[in-house]
Amino acid sequence: MSGSESTALSSGTWLNKPKKVTEEAGKVSLETDEKTDFWRETFYGFTRDSGHFLGVKTGSAFTAQVRIQGSYQSLYDQAGIMVRVDESRWIKAGIEISDGKAMLSSVLTNQKSDWSTAIYDKDPKDFWLRVTVEKGVLRLQVSSDKKTWPLVRLAPFPVSDHYFVGPMACTPERGGLNVTFSEWSLTAPLGKALHDLS
C-alpha cells in the first residue's frame, strides 16, 4: 500500500449497492436485495454479477481483514470478503448456507467459478476473515477469536498492479439477509510463514 491510498471502508466503491445500507465509523450494515449472486458458468451455466460488494482499491500486494456478523437462514445466504480484479477474475469467501448447514465457503473465479466448502465448527454468525495477496498467490484465513488464524485456502491468483477488496454479501434465493461488517483493516502483506497462525 502506498501512502496516497485510503485504506478505510469509507473510501470503497459499491458494486450493486444494496437498497438498505448504513455506513458509519468503520462499520457497514446492510440488508441484501432479492436474488443477488456472484457466479460464472460452472455447472449451472449462468453468469451472475449482482451480489453486493464494497471494494477498496489496493496496490499490488496487501493483507485485508474484516469481522462479519450475519443472520443466515436460507440456502446460499452468504457474507464475507471479496477480492476482485474484474468481472471474470475474483474470489469471494465467507459463511454460506448449504444443505442446511453454515459452511465455510470460497469461490475462486478465473473466467469460470469453482466452489469449495467445509464445515465450520465455530460460531458462523460472528467471525473474522483475513486475505493476503502477493506475487500471484492468495492466502485466505479465518478466525473465531481474532487471535488464531487457520488456513482456509492457498491459491494462485492473477497478478495485478491493483485489486479491489472488501465486504461481500449475496442471497441468490431471496432477499433480506442482515449483515454487519466491522474491524476492517487494509495493510501491506503481513509476511508471515504459512503455518504461523497468529
N, C-alpha and C. Protein backbone atom coordinates (compact mmCIF):
# COMPACT_ATOMS: atom_id res chain seq x y z
N MET A 1 0.85 -1.19 0.00
CA MET A 1 0.00 0.00 0.00
C MET A 1 0.88 1.24 0.00
N SER A 2 0.58 2.14 -0.87
CA SER A 2 1.32 3.41 -0.86
C SER A 2 0.63 4.39 0.06
N GLY A 3 1.35 5.40 0.47
CA GLY A 3 0.80 6.35 1.42
C GLY A 3 -0.33 7.20 0.87
N SER A 4 -0.48 7.24 -0.46
CA SER A 4 -1.50 8.08 -1.06
C SER A 4 -2.87 7.41 -1.12
N GLU A 5 -2.92 6.10 -0.82
CA GLU A 5 -4.18 5.39 -0.93
C GLU A 5 -4.90 5.38 0.42
N SER A 6 -6.21 5.59 0.37
CA SER A 6 -7.01 5.48 1.59
C SER A 6 -7.40 4.02 1.78
N THR A 7 -7.20 3.51 2.98
CA THR A 7 -7.49 2.10 3.24
C THR A 7 -8.81 1.91 3.98
N ALA A 8 -9.52 3.00 4.26
CA ALA A 8 -10.76 2.91 5.03
C ALA A 8 -11.90 2.38 4.18
N LEU A 9 -12.85 1.69 4.82
CA LEU A 9 -14.03 1.22 4.11
C LEU A 9 -14.79 2.38 3.47
N SER A 10 -14.75 3.53 4.12
CA SER A 10 -15.48 4.70 3.60
C SER A 10 -14.93 5.17 2.26
N SER A 11 -13.72 4.73 1.90
CA SER A 11 -13.15 5.09 0.60
C SER A 11 -13.52 4.09 -0.49
N GLY A 12 -14.25 3.04 -0.11
CA GLY A 12 -14.61 1.99 -1.07
C GLY A 12 -15.69 2.43 -2.04
N THR A 13 -15.81 1.66 -3.11
CA THR A 13 -16.81 1.88 -4.15
C THR A 13 -17.74 0.68 -4.20
N TRP A 14 -19.02 0.94 -4.22
CA TRP A 14 -20.01 -0.14 -4.25
C TRP A 14 -20.17 -0.72 -5.65
N LEU A 15 -20.21 -2.03 -5.73
CA LEU A 15 -20.73 -2.74 -6.88
C LEU A 15 -22.08 -3.29 -6.42
N ASN A 16 -23.15 -2.84 -7.05
CA ASN A 16 -24.50 -3.26 -6.67
C ASN A 16 -24.82 -2.90 -5.22
N LYS A 17 -24.80 -1.61 -4.94
CA LYS A 17 -25.10 -1.13 -3.59
C LYS A 17 -26.49 -1.57 -3.17
N PRO A 18 -26.64 -2.17 -1.98
CA PRO A 18 -27.97 -2.60 -1.54
C PRO A 18 -28.88 -1.42 -1.25
N LYS A 19 -30.17 -1.66 -1.37
CA LYS A 19 -31.15 -0.59 -1.11
C LYS A 19 -31.11 -0.16 0.35
N LYS A 20 -30.84 -1.12 1.24
CA LYS A 20 -30.79 -0.81 2.67
C LYS A 20 -29.37 -1.00 3.18
N VAL A 21 -28.69 0.12 3.48
CA VAL A 21 -27.32 0.05 3.96
C VAL A 21 -27.02 1.28 4.81
N THR A 22 -26.27 1.08 5.89
CA THR A 22 -25.79 2.21 6.69
C THR A 22 -24.28 2.06 6.84
N GLU A 23 -23.59 3.18 6.71
CA GLU A 23 -22.14 3.19 6.83
C GLU A 23 -21.77 4.26 7.85
N GLU A 24 -21.08 3.84 8.93
CA GLU A 24 -20.70 4.80 9.97
C GLU A 24 -19.49 4.30 10.74
N ALA A 25 -18.55 5.19 10.95
CA ALA A 25 -17.39 4.96 11.83
C ALA A 25 -16.78 3.58 11.65
N GLY A 26 -16.45 3.22 10.42
CA GLY A 26 -15.77 1.96 10.18
C GLY A 26 -16.64 0.74 10.21
N LYS A 27 -17.96 0.94 10.24
CA LYS A 27 -18.89 -0.18 10.28
C LYS A 27 -19.89 -0.05 9.14
N VAL A 28 -20.17 -1.17 8.46
CA VAL A 28 -21.15 -1.20 7.38
C VAL A 28 -22.19 -2.26 7.70
N SER A 29 -23.46 -1.85 7.76
CA SER A 29 -24.56 -2.79 7.98
C SER A 29 -25.47 -2.75 6.76
N LEU A 30 -25.88 -3.93 6.30
CA LEU A 30 -26.72 -3.96 5.10
C LEU A 30 -27.75 -5.06 5.19
N GLU A 31 -28.76 -4.94 4.34
CA GLU A 31 -29.74 -5.99 4.11
C GLU A 31 -29.70 -6.31 2.62
N THR A 32 -29.52 -7.57 2.28
CA THR A 32 -29.36 -7.92 0.87
C THR A 32 -30.64 -7.72 0.08
N ASP A 33 -30.47 -7.33 -1.18
CA ASP A 33 -31.58 -7.24 -2.12
C ASP A 33 -31.96 -8.65 -2.57
N GLU A 34 -33.07 -8.74 -3.28
CA GLU A 34 -33.60 -10.01 -3.77
C GLU A 34 -32.71 -10.62 -4.85
N LYS A 35 -32.43 -11.93 -4.70
CA LYS A 35 -31.75 -12.72 -5.73
C LYS A 35 -30.44 -12.08 -6.22
N THR A 36 -29.51 -11.94 -5.32
CA THR A 36 -28.20 -11.37 -5.62
C THR A 36 -27.14 -12.47 -5.58
N ASP A 37 -26.15 -12.40 -6.48
CA ASP A 37 -25.21 -13.51 -6.56
C ASP A 37 -23.96 -13.11 -7.35
N PHE A 38 -22.86 -13.83 -7.09
CA PHE A 38 -21.66 -13.79 -7.92
C PHE A 38 -21.36 -15.22 -8.35
N TRP A 39 -21.31 -15.47 -9.66
CA TRP A 39 -21.02 -16.81 -10.17
C TRP A 39 -20.74 -16.71 -11.67
N ARG A 40 -19.89 -17.61 -12.18
CA ARG A 40 -19.62 -17.65 -13.63
C ARG A 40 -19.63 -19.09 -14.15
N GLU A 41 -20.71 -19.46 -14.78
CA GLU A 41 -20.84 -20.61 -15.69
C GLU A 41 -20.84 -21.99 -15.08
N THR A 42 -19.85 -22.35 -14.28
CA THR A 42 -19.61 -23.74 -13.91
C THR A 42 -20.87 -24.43 -13.39
N PHE A 43 -21.16 -25.59 -13.92
CA PHE A 43 -22.25 -26.47 -13.52
C PHE A 43 -23.62 -25.91 -13.88
N TYR A 44 -23.91 -24.67 -13.43
CA TYR A 44 -25.23 -24.10 -13.64
C TYR A 44 -25.39 -23.48 -15.03
N GLY A 45 -24.28 -23.05 -15.63
CA GLY A 45 -24.36 -22.49 -16.97
C GLY A 45 -24.66 -21.00 -17.04
N PHE A 46 -24.95 -20.37 -15.91
CA PHE A 46 -25.26 -18.94 -15.94
C PHE A 46 -24.12 -18.12 -15.37
N THR A 47 -24.14 -16.82 -15.66
CA THR A 47 -23.21 -15.86 -15.08
C THR A 47 -23.99 -14.80 -14.35
N ARG A 48 -23.64 -14.57 -13.08
CA ARG A 48 -24.30 -13.54 -12.28
C ARG A 48 -23.25 -12.65 -11.63
N ASP A 49 -23.50 -11.37 -11.67
CA ASP A 49 -22.57 -10.40 -11.09
C ASP A 49 -23.39 -9.33 -10.35
N SER A 50 -24.39 -9.81 -9.61
CA SER A 50 -25.37 -8.91 -8.98
C SER A 50 -25.24 -8.83 -7.47
N GLY A 51 -24.26 -9.54 -6.89
CA GLY A 51 -24.07 -9.50 -5.44
C GLY A 51 -23.57 -8.14 -4.98
N HIS A 52 -23.65 -7.93 -3.68
CA HIS A 52 -23.22 -6.66 -3.08
C HIS A 52 -21.74 -6.74 -2.72
N PHE A 53 -20.97 -5.73 -3.12
CA PHE A 53 -19.53 -5.71 -2.85
C PHE A 53 -19.08 -4.27 -2.66
N LEU A 54 -18.41 -4.01 -1.53
CA LEU A 54 -17.84 -2.69 -1.25
C LEU A 54 -16.32 -2.82 -1.39
N GLY A 55 -15.79 -2.37 -2.52
CA GLY A 55 -14.40 -2.59 -2.85
C GLY A 55 -13.50 -1.40 -2.56
N VAL A 56 -12.46 -1.64 -1.78
CA VAL A 56 -11.44 -0.64 -1.50
C VAL A 56 -10.24 -0.93 -2.41
N LYS A 57 -9.75 0.07 -3.10
CA LYS A 57 -8.64 -0.14 -4.03
C LYS A 57 -7.33 -0.35 -3.27
N THR A 58 -6.57 -1.34 -3.72
CA THR A 58 -5.29 -1.68 -3.11
C THR A 58 -4.16 -1.46 -4.10
N GLY A 59 -2.95 -1.67 -3.64
CA GLY A 59 -1.81 -1.77 -4.53
C GLY A 59 -1.66 -3.19 -5.03
N SER A 60 -0.44 -3.57 -5.40
CA SER A 60 -0.20 -4.89 -5.99
C SER A 60 -0.08 -6.00 -4.96
N ALA A 61 -0.01 -5.65 -3.68
CA ALA A 61 0.10 -6.64 -2.61
C ALA A 61 -0.51 -6.06 -1.34
N PHE A 62 -1.19 -6.90 -0.55
CA PHE A 62 -1.89 -6.39 0.63
C PHE A 62 -2.32 -7.53 1.54
N THR A 63 -2.70 -7.17 2.77
CA THR A 63 -3.47 -8.03 3.66
C THR A 63 -4.70 -7.25 4.10
N ALA A 64 -5.86 -7.86 3.98
CA ALA A 64 -7.13 -7.24 4.41
C ALA A 64 -7.78 -8.16 5.44
N GLN A 65 -8.49 -7.54 6.36
CA GLN A 65 -9.11 -8.30 7.45
C GLN A 65 -10.42 -7.63 7.82
N VAL A 66 -11.46 -8.45 8.14
CA VAL A 66 -12.76 -7.88 8.48
C VAL A 66 -13.54 -8.85 9.38
N ARG A 67 -14.35 -8.27 10.25
CA ARG A 67 -15.28 -9.04 11.09
C ARG A 67 -16.64 -9.08 10.41
N ILE A 68 -17.28 -10.26 10.41
CA ILE A 68 -18.56 -10.44 9.74
C ILE A 68 -19.56 -11.00 10.74
N GLN A 69 -20.67 -10.30 10.91
CA GLN A 69 -21.74 -10.75 11.80
C GLN A 69 -23.03 -10.80 10.99
N GLY A 70 -23.59 -12.01 10.80
CA GLY A 70 -24.75 -12.17 9.94
C GLY A 70 -25.77 -13.14 10.50
N SER A 71 -27.01 -13.01 10.01
CA SER A 71 -28.12 -13.87 10.45
C SER A 71 -28.58 -14.72 9.26
N TYR A 72 -27.81 -15.76 8.95
CA TYR A 72 -28.07 -16.60 7.79
C TYR A 72 -29.27 -17.51 8.04
N GLN A 73 -30.09 -17.70 7.00
CA GLN A 73 -31.29 -18.51 7.17
C GLN A 73 -31.55 -19.47 6.03
N SER A 74 -31.35 -19.02 4.79
CA SER A 74 -31.81 -19.78 3.63
C SER A 74 -30.65 -20.28 2.78
N LEU A 75 -30.93 -21.26 1.92
CA LEU A 75 -29.95 -21.82 1.01
C LEU A 75 -29.20 -20.72 0.27
N TYR A 76 -27.88 -20.82 0.28
CA TYR A 76 -26.95 -19.91 -0.40
C TYR A 76 -26.82 -18.52 0.24
N ASP A 77 -27.52 -18.24 1.35
CA ASP A 77 -27.23 -16.99 2.07
C ASP A 77 -25.74 -16.95 2.35
N GLN A 78 -25.08 -15.82 2.08
CA GLN A 78 -23.64 -15.76 2.24
C GLN A 78 -23.16 -14.35 2.53
N ALA A 79 -22.07 -14.28 3.30
CA ALA A 79 -21.43 -12.99 3.57
C ALA A 79 -19.98 -13.25 3.93
N GLY A 80 -19.13 -12.32 3.53
CA GLY A 80 -17.71 -12.47 3.81
C GLY A 80 -16.90 -11.39 3.13
N ILE A 81 -15.84 -11.81 2.46
CA ILE A 81 -14.90 -10.88 1.83
C ILE A 81 -14.73 -11.23 0.36
N MET A 82 -14.43 -10.23 -0.45
CA MET A 82 -14.18 -10.44 -1.87
C MET A 82 -12.91 -9.72 -2.26
N VAL A 83 -12.13 -10.35 -3.15
CA VAL A 83 -11.01 -9.71 -3.83
C VAL A 83 -11.32 -9.79 -5.31
N ARG A 84 -11.20 -8.66 -5.98
CA ARG A 84 -11.67 -8.60 -7.36
C ARG A 84 -10.68 -7.85 -8.25
N VAL A 85 -10.38 -8.46 -9.40
CA VAL A 85 -9.63 -7.77 -10.45
C VAL A 85 -10.62 -7.17 -11.44
N ASP A 86 -11.54 -8.00 -11.92
CA ASP A 86 -12.61 -7.56 -12.82
C ASP A 86 -13.74 -8.58 -12.74
N GLU A 87 -14.72 -8.50 -13.64
CA GLU A 87 -15.91 -9.34 -13.53
C GLU A 87 -15.63 -10.83 -13.75
N SER A 88 -14.48 -11.17 -14.30
CA SER A 88 -14.20 -12.59 -14.56
C SER A 88 -13.03 -13.13 -13.74
N ARG A 89 -12.44 -12.29 -12.88
CA ARG A 89 -11.32 -12.73 -12.03
C ARG A 89 -11.52 -12.20 -10.62
N TRP A 90 -11.90 -13.10 -9.70
CA TRP A 90 -12.19 -12.69 -8.33
C TRP A 90 -12.27 -13.91 -7.41
N ILE A 91 -12.29 -13.64 -6.12
CA ILE A 91 -12.61 -14.66 -5.13
C ILE A 91 -13.59 -14.06 -4.14
N LYS A 92 -14.56 -14.85 -3.73
CA LYS A 92 -15.43 -14.48 -2.61
C LYS A 92 -15.35 -15.61 -1.60
N ALA A 93 -15.40 -15.26 -0.33
CA ALA A 93 -15.27 -16.27 0.72
C ALA A 93 -16.00 -15.81 1.96
N GLY A 94 -16.52 -16.79 2.71
CA GLY A 94 -17.21 -16.47 3.96
C GLY A 94 -18.06 -17.63 4.41
N ILE A 95 -19.09 -17.31 5.15
CA ILE A 95 -20.07 -18.31 5.55
C ILE A 95 -21.16 -18.36 4.49
N GLU A 96 -21.57 -19.56 4.14
CA GLU A 96 -22.65 -19.76 3.17
C GLU A 96 -23.51 -20.94 3.62
N ILE A 97 -24.82 -20.77 3.55
CA ILE A 97 -25.73 -21.86 3.91
C ILE A 97 -25.80 -22.85 2.75
N SER A 98 -25.48 -24.12 3.04
CA SER A 98 -25.54 -25.17 2.03
C SER A 98 -25.98 -26.46 2.70
N ASP A 99 -26.98 -27.10 2.13
CA ASP A 99 -27.51 -28.36 2.69
C ASP A 99 -27.88 -28.21 4.16
N GLY A 100 -28.43 -27.05 4.50
CA GLY A 100 -28.95 -26.82 5.84
C GLY A 100 -27.91 -26.46 6.88
N LYS A 101 -26.65 -26.31 6.47
CA LYS A 101 -25.59 -26.00 7.42
C LYS A 101 -24.87 -24.71 7.01
N ALA A 102 -24.32 -24.04 8.02
CA ALA A 102 -23.47 -22.87 7.75
C ALA A 102 -22.07 -23.38 7.43
N MET A 103 -21.66 -23.23 6.19
CA MET A 103 -20.39 -23.76 5.72
C MET A 103 -19.39 -22.63 5.49
N LEU A 104 -18.12 -22.94 5.69
CA LEU A 104 -17.06 -22.04 5.31
C LEU A 104 -16.83 -22.26 3.81
N SER A 105 -17.12 -21.24 3.02
CA SER A 105 -17.21 -21.40 1.58
C SER A 105 -16.27 -20.43 0.88
N SER A 106 -15.67 -20.87 -0.23
CA SER A 106 -14.92 -19.95 -1.08
C SER A 106 -15.15 -20.30 -2.55
N VAL A 107 -15.27 -19.26 -3.35
CA VAL A 107 -15.45 -19.41 -4.79
C VAL A 107 -14.33 -18.62 -5.47
N LEU A 108 -13.44 -19.32 -6.14
CA LEU A 108 -12.36 -18.69 -6.88
C LEU A 108 -12.74 -18.71 -8.36
N THR A 109 -12.70 -17.56 -8.98
CA THR A 109 -13.14 -17.43 -10.37
C THR A 109 -12.03 -16.85 -11.22
N ASN A 110 -11.67 -17.59 -12.25
CA ASN A 110 -10.77 -17.11 -13.29
C ASN A 110 -11.42 -17.54 -14.60
N GLN A 111 -12.29 -16.70 -15.13
CA GLN A 111 -13.19 -16.97 -16.27
C GLN A 111 -14.35 -17.86 -15.85
N LYS A 112 -14.08 -18.96 -15.12
CA LYS A 112 -15.14 -19.82 -14.60
C LYS A 112 -14.95 -20.00 -13.10
N SER A 113 -16.06 -20.25 -12.40
CA SER A 113 -16.04 -20.36 -10.94
C SER A 113 -15.83 -21.79 -10.47
N ASP A 114 -15.04 -21.93 -9.39
CA ASP A 114 -15.05 -23.19 -8.64
C ASP A 114 -15.82 -22.93 -7.34
N TRP A 115 -15.99 -23.94 -6.53
CA TRP A 115 -16.69 -23.77 -5.25
C TRP A 115 -16.15 -24.80 -4.27
N SER A 116 -15.69 -24.33 -3.13
CA SER A 116 -15.15 -25.20 -2.10
C SER A 116 -15.86 -24.90 -0.79
N THR A 117 -16.31 -25.95 -0.09
CA THR A 117 -16.97 -25.76 1.19
C THR A 117 -16.37 -26.69 2.25
N ALA A 118 -16.48 -26.26 3.50
CA ALA A 118 -16.05 -27.08 4.64
C ALA A 118 -16.95 -26.74 5.82
N ILE A 119 -17.20 -27.71 6.65
CA ILE A 119 -18.00 -27.46 7.86
C ILE A 119 -17.24 -26.50 8.77
N TYR A 120 -17.94 -25.48 9.27
CA TYR A 120 -17.33 -24.51 10.19
C TYR A 120 -17.85 -24.81 11.58
N ASP A 121 -16.97 -25.23 12.49
CA ASP A 121 -17.41 -25.70 13.80
C ASP A 121 -17.40 -24.61 14.88
N LYS A 122 -17.14 -23.36 14.47
CA LYS A 122 -17.24 -22.24 15.42
C LYS A 122 -18.55 -21.50 15.15
N ASP A 123 -18.71 -20.32 15.75
CA ASP A 123 -19.95 -19.55 15.59
C ASP A 123 -19.97 -18.88 14.21
N PRO A 124 -20.84 -19.33 13.29
CA PRO A 124 -20.86 -18.76 11.95
C PRO A 124 -21.46 -17.35 11.90
N LYS A 125 -22.12 -16.95 12.97
CA LYS A 125 -22.76 -15.64 12.98
C LYS A 125 -21.83 -14.51 13.40
N ASP A 126 -20.59 -14.87 13.78
CA ASP A 126 -19.63 -13.85 14.22
C ASP A 126 -18.22 -14.40 14.05
N PHE A 127 -17.52 -13.94 13.02
CA PHE A 127 -16.19 -14.46 12.74
C PHE A 127 -15.38 -13.40 11.97
N TRP A 128 -14.10 -13.68 11.77
CA TRP A 128 -13.21 -12.78 11.04
C TRP A 128 -12.61 -13.52 9.85
N LEU A 129 -12.34 -12.78 8.78
CA LEU A 129 -11.61 -13.31 7.64
C LEU A 129 -10.40 -12.42 7.37
N ARG A 130 -9.34 -13.06 6.92
CA ARG A 130 -8.12 -12.34 6.52
C ARG A 130 -7.68 -12.88 5.16
N VAL A 131 -7.36 -11.98 4.26
CA VAL A 131 -6.87 -12.40 2.95
C VAL A 131 -5.59 -11.63 2.63
N THR A 132 -4.59 -12.35 2.15
CA THR A 132 -3.33 -11.76 1.73
C THR A 132 -3.09 -12.10 0.27
N VAL A 133 -2.76 -11.10 -0.53
CA VAL A 133 -2.42 -11.30 -1.94
C VAL A 133 -1.04 -10.71 -2.18
N GLU A 134 -0.16 -11.55 -2.77
CA GLU A 134 1.19 -11.09 -3.05
C GLU A 134 1.83 -12.02 -4.07
N LYS A 135 2.41 -11.46 -5.12
CA LYS A 135 3.19 -12.21 -6.11
C LYS A 135 2.45 -13.40 -6.69
N GLY A 136 1.17 -13.18 -7.04
CA GLY A 136 0.40 -14.22 -7.71
C GLY A 136 -0.14 -15.30 -6.81
N VAL A 137 -0.12 -15.08 -5.50
CA VAL A 137 -0.63 -16.06 -4.54
C VAL A 137 -1.64 -15.39 -3.61
N LEU A 138 -2.75 -16.07 -3.38
CA LEU A 138 -3.77 -15.61 -2.44
C LEU A 138 -3.85 -16.58 -1.27
N ARG A 139 -3.83 -16.02 -0.07
CA ARG A 139 -3.90 -16.81 1.17
C ARG A 139 -5.10 -16.33 1.96
N LEU A 140 -6.00 -17.26 2.26
CA LEU A 140 -7.24 -16.95 2.96
C LEU A 140 -7.24 -17.64 4.32
N GLN A 141 -7.53 -16.85 5.38
CA GLN A 141 -7.55 -17.38 6.74
C GLN A 141 -8.84 -16.97 7.45
N VAL A 142 -9.24 -17.76 8.44
CA VAL A 142 -10.44 -17.49 9.22
C VAL A 142 -10.08 -17.47 10.70
N SER A 143 -10.86 -16.73 11.49
CA SER A 143 -10.65 -16.72 12.93
C SER A 143 -11.99 -16.59 13.65
N SER A 144 -12.08 -17.29 14.77
CA SER A 144 -13.27 -17.17 15.63
C SER A 144 -13.02 -16.24 16.80
N ASP A 145 -11.74 -15.85 17.01
CA ASP A 145 -11.40 -15.05 18.19
C ASP A 145 -10.43 -13.88 17.89
N LYS A 146 -10.07 -13.72 16.64
CA LYS A 146 -9.13 -12.68 16.20
C LYS A 146 -7.73 -12.91 16.76
N LYS A 147 -7.45 -14.13 17.18
CA LYS A 147 -6.13 -14.47 17.71
C LYS A 147 -5.47 -15.57 16.90
N THR A 148 -6.21 -16.63 16.60
CA THR A 148 -5.70 -17.76 15.84
C THR A 148 -6.36 -17.78 14.47
N TRP A 149 -5.53 -17.95 13.42
CA TRP A 149 -6.00 -17.79 12.04
C TRP A 149 -5.65 -19.01 11.19
N PRO A 150 -6.41 -20.10 11.30
CA PRO A 150 -6.14 -21.26 10.47
C PRO A 150 -6.32 -20.95 8.97
N LEU A 151 -5.57 -21.69 8.17
CA LEU A 151 -5.64 -21.53 6.72
C LEU A 151 -6.94 -22.11 6.18
N VAL A 152 -7.60 -21.36 5.30
CA VAL A 152 -8.78 -21.85 4.58
C VAL A 152 -8.39 -22.26 3.17
N ARG A 153 -7.56 -21.43 2.54
CA ARG A 153 -7.23 -21.69 1.14
C ARG A 153 -5.93 -20.99 0.76
N LEU A 154 -5.13 -21.68 -0.03
CA LEU A 154 -3.95 -21.10 -0.66
C LEU A 154 -4.11 -21.36 -2.15
N ALA A 155 -4.05 -20.31 -2.96
CA ALA A 155 -4.39 -20.48 -4.37
C ALA A 155 -3.61 -19.51 -5.24
N PRO A 156 -3.34 -19.91 -6.50
CA PRO A 156 -2.81 -18.94 -7.44
C PRO A 156 -3.88 -17.88 -7.72
N PHE A 157 -3.43 -16.65 -7.92
CA PHE A 157 -4.38 -15.54 -8.16
C PHE A 157 -3.72 -14.59 -9.14
N PRO A 158 -4.51 -13.99 -10.04
CA PRO A 158 -3.93 -13.14 -11.07
C PRO A 158 -3.06 -12.01 -10.49
N VAL A 159 -1.92 -11.80 -11.11
CA VAL A 159 -1.06 -10.68 -10.74
C VAL A 159 -1.63 -9.41 -11.34
N SER A 160 -1.71 -8.35 -10.52
CA SER A 160 -2.27 -7.08 -11.00
C SER A 160 -1.58 -5.94 -10.26
N ASP A 161 -1.56 -4.76 -10.87
CA ASP A 161 -0.96 -3.61 -10.16
C ASP A 161 -1.90 -3.05 -9.10
N HIS A 162 -3.17 -3.49 -9.13
CA HIS A 162 -4.11 -3.13 -8.07
C HIS A 162 -5.26 -4.13 -8.04
N TYR A 163 -5.92 -4.16 -6.90
CA TYR A 163 -7.10 -5.00 -6.70
C TYR A 163 -8.16 -4.17 -6.00
N PHE A 164 -9.35 -4.74 -5.90
CA PHE A 164 -10.38 -4.20 -5.02
C PHE A 164 -10.72 -5.27 -4.00
N VAL A 165 -10.78 -4.90 -2.73
CA VAL A 165 -11.06 -5.87 -1.68
C VAL A 165 -12.04 -5.25 -0.68
N GLY A 166 -12.92 -6.09 -0.13
CA GLY A 166 -13.85 -5.58 0.87
C GLY A 166 -15.00 -6.52 1.14
N PRO A 167 -15.99 -6.05 1.91
CA PRO A 167 -17.13 -6.86 2.29
C PRO A 167 -17.97 -7.29 1.09
N MET A 168 -18.54 -8.50 1.19
CA MET A 168 -19.38 -9.07 0.16
C MET A 168 -20.56 -9.78 0.81
N ALA A 169 -21.74 -9.66 0.20
CA ALA A 169 -22.90 -10.42 0.67
C ALA A 169 -23.83 -10.70 -0.51
N CYS A 170 -24.45 -11.88 -0.48
CA CYS A 170 -25.38 -12.29 -1.54
C CYS A 170 -26.49 -13.16 -0.94
N THR A 171 -27.64 -13.12 -1.59
CA THR A 171 -28.72 -14.07 -1.29
C THR A 171 -29.36 -14.48 -2.62
N PRO A 172 -28.83 -15.52 -3.27
CA PRO A 172 -29.32 -15.93 -4.58
C PRO A 172 -30.78 -16.37 -4.60
N GLU A 173 -31.29 -16.86 -3.46
CA GLU A 173 -32.65 -17.41 -3.44
C GLU A 173 -33.68 -16.49 -2.82
N ARG A 174 -33.24 -15.36 -2.26
CA ARG A 174 -34.18 -14.48 -1.55
C ARG A 174 -33.55 -13.10 -1.39
N GLY A 175 -34.15 -12.27 -0.55
CA GLY A 175 -33.55 -11.03 -0.08
C GLY A 175 -33.68 -11.00 1.42
N GLY A 176 -33.03 -10.04 2.08
CA GLY A 176 -33.29 -9.84 3.49
C GLY A 176 -32.28 -10.37 4.47
N LEU A 177 -31.11 -10.78 4.00
CA LEU A 177 -30.05 -11.18 4.93
C LEU A 177 -29.43 -9.92 5.54
N ASN A 178 -29.40 -9.87 6.86
CA ASN A 178 -28.81 -8.73 7.56
C ASN A 178 -27.39 -9.08 8.01
N VAL A 179 -26.44 -8.22 7.62
CA VAL A 179 -25.03 -8.45 7.92
C VAL A 179 -24.39 -7.14 8.36
N THR A 180 -23.48 -7.24 9.33
CA THR A 180 -22.66 -6.09 9.73
C THR A 180 -21.19 -6.45 9.57
N PHE A 181 -20.46 -5.56 8.92
CA PHE A 181 -19.02 -5.69 8.73
C PHE A 181 -18.33 -4.62 9.57
N SER A 182 -17.29 -5.02 10.30
CA SER A 182 -16.59 -4.06 11.16
C SER A 182 -15.13 -4.52 11.35
N GLU A 183 -14.39 -3.76 12.15
CA GLU A 183 -12.99 -4.06 12.47
C GLU A 183 -12.16 -4.30 11.20
N TRP A 184 -12.42 -3.48 10.21
CA TRP A 184 -11.75 -3.57 8.91
C TRP A 184 -10.32 -3.04 9.01
N SER A 185 -9.40 -3.74 8.34
CA SER A 185 -8.05 -3.21 8.19
C SER A 185 -7.50 -3.62 6.83
N LEU A 186 -6.69 -2.74 6.27
CA LEU A 186 -6.03 -3.00 4.99
C LEU A 186 -4.61 -2.48 5.12
N THR A 187 -3.64 -3.39 5.00
CA THR A 187 -2.23 -3.06 5.25
C THR A 187 -1.35 -3.68 4.17
N ALA A 188 -0.06 -3.44 4.27
CA ALA A 188 0.90 -4.19 3.48
C ALA A 188 0.81 -5.66 3.88
N PRO A 189 1.25 -6.57 3.00
CA PRO A 189 1.19 -8.01 3.35
C PRO A 189 1.89 -8.29 4.68
N LEU A 190 1.28 -9.15 5.49
CA LEU A 190 1.82 -9.42 6.82
C LEU A 190 3.15 -10.17 6.75
N GLY A 191 3.37 -10.93 5.70
CA GLY A 191 4.66 -11.60 5.54
C GLY A 191 4.91 -12.73 6.51
N LYS A 192 3.87 -13.34 7.02
CA LYS A 192 4.04 -14.42 8.00
C LYS A 192 4.25 -15.76 7.29
N ALA A 193 4.97 -16.66 7.97
CA ALA A 193 5.16 -18.00 7.45
C ALA A 193 3.80 -18.69 7.31
N LEU A 194 3.72 -19.64 6.39
CA LEU A 194 2.43 -20.27 6.08
C LEU A 194 1.78 -20.91 7.30
N HIS A 195 2.58 -21.50 8.17
CA HIS A 195 1.99 -22.17 9.34
C HIS A 195 2.06 -21.32 10.61
N ASP A 196 2.34 -20.05 10.44
CA ASP A 196 2.22 -19.10 11.55
C ASP A 196 0.76 -18.66 11.58
N LEU A 197 0.02 -19.11 12.56
CA LEU A 197 -1.43 -18.86 12.60
C LEU A 197 -1.81 -17.67 13.46
N SER A 198 -0.82 -16.83 13.78
CA SER A 198 -1.12 -15.65 14.59
C SER A 198 -1.68 -14.53 13.72
